[in-house]
Amino acid sequence: MDIATVIENGKFLLTEHEAATYLDVTPGTLSVWRSTGRYKIPFIKVGRNVRYKRNDLEAWLNHRTRSSGATI
């Protein structure tokens, strides 16, 4: 992804805190998930900052949605 794309999409990027709020978890939980690979939620590094695309969070939630207690 080139810098122009990152800048253009920047208005759609959520900070770690915003993404955590959206998912109803703490920013620390997101950090642990990233570092351990427990959940592979796509993220973007911009310098030291971590950003998330809202569409990626929605896709991750949709993938985890179950209609029964059984696992796939």
Protein backbone atom coordinates (compact mmCIF):
# COMPACT_ATOMS: atom_id res chain seq x y z
CA MET A 1 0.00 0.00 0.00
CA ASP A 2 1.50 3.33 -0.99
CA ILE A 3 1.46 6.45 1.18
CA ALA A 4 -1.16 8.18 -0.99
CA THR A 5 -3.58 5.32 -0.33
CA VAL A 6 -2.88 5.44 3.40
CA ILE A 7 -3.50 9.20 3.45
CA GLU A 8 -6.68 8.89 1.39
CA ASN A 9 -7.97 6.10 3.62
CA GLY A 10 -6.84 7.90 6.77
CA LYS A 11 -10.24 9.38 7.36
CA PHE A 12 -11.58 5.82 7.60
CA LEU A 13 -8.93 4.58 10.01
CA LEU A 14 -9.67 4.08 13.70
CA THR A 15 -7.15 4.53 16.46
CA GLU A 16 -6.46 1.60 18.76
CA HIS A 17 -8.70 3.18 21.40
CA GLU A 18 -11.54 3.76 18.91
CA ALA A 19 -11.25 0.19 17.59
CA ALA A 20 -11.27 -1.19 21.14
CA THR A 21 -14.38 0.83 21.95
CA TYR A 22 -16.03 -0.40 18.74
CA LEU A 23 -15.29 -4.03 19.71
CA ASP A 24 -16.11 -3.45 23.41
CA VAL A 25 -12.66 -4.57 24.58
CA THR A 26 -9.73 -2.67 26.08
CA PRO A 27 -6.85 -1.29 24.00
CA GLY A 28 -4.60 -3.65 25.98
CA THR A 29 -6.66 -6.62 24.79
CA LEU A 30 -6.17 -5.53 21.17
CA SER A 31 -2.44 -5.22 21.82
CA VAL A 32 -2.27 -8.75 23.23
CA TRP A 33 -4.27 -10.13 20.29
CA ARG A 34 -1.85 -8.44 17.86
CA SER A 35 1.31 -9.59 19.60
CA THR A 36 0.19 -13.19 20.20
CA GLY A 37 -1.73 -13.64 16.95
CA ARG A 38 -4.70 -14.99 18.90
CA TYR A 39 -7.11 -13.16 16.61
CA LYS A 40 -5.85 -12.03 13.25
CA ILE A 41 -7.57 -8.67 12.97
CA PRO A 42 -5.85 -6.72 10.19
CA PHE A 43 -4.14 -3.53 11.34
CA ILE A 44 -1.94 -0.83 9.87
CA LYS A 45 1.21 0.53 11.45
CA VAL A 46 1.87 4.22 10.84
CA GLY A 47 5.12 4.89 12.61
CA ARG A 48 4.50 3.78 16.18
CA ASN A 49 0.76 4.16 15.81
CA VAL A 50 -1.64 1.31 15.13
CA ARG A 51 -4.75 1.92 13.05
CA TYR A 52 -7.70 -0.27 12.09
CA LYS A 53 -10.06 -0.06 9.14
CA ARG A 54 -13.69 -0.12 10.24
CA ASN A 55 -14.48 -2.48 7.33
CA ASP A 56 -11.87 -4.96 8.61
CA LEU A 57 -13.39 -4.88 12.10
CA GLU A 58 -16.88 -5.42 10.68
CA ALA A 59 -15.64 -8.33 8.52
CA TRP A 60 -13.92 -9.89 11.55
CA LEU A 61 -17.12 -9.60 13.61
CA ASN A 62 -19.21 -11.05 10.78
CA HIS A 63 -16.81 -13.99 10.49
CA ARG A 64 -17.24 -14.68 14.22
CA THR A 65 -21.04 -14.47 14.15
CA ARG A 66 -22.67 -17.80 14.96
CA SER A 67 -26.28 -18.91 14.60
CA SER A 68 -25.93 -21.70 17.16
CA GLY A 69 -23.61 -22.84 19.91
CA ALA A 70 -21.86 -25.31 17.62
CA THR A 71 -18.49 -24.33 16.20
CA ILE A 72 -17.69 -24.59 12.54
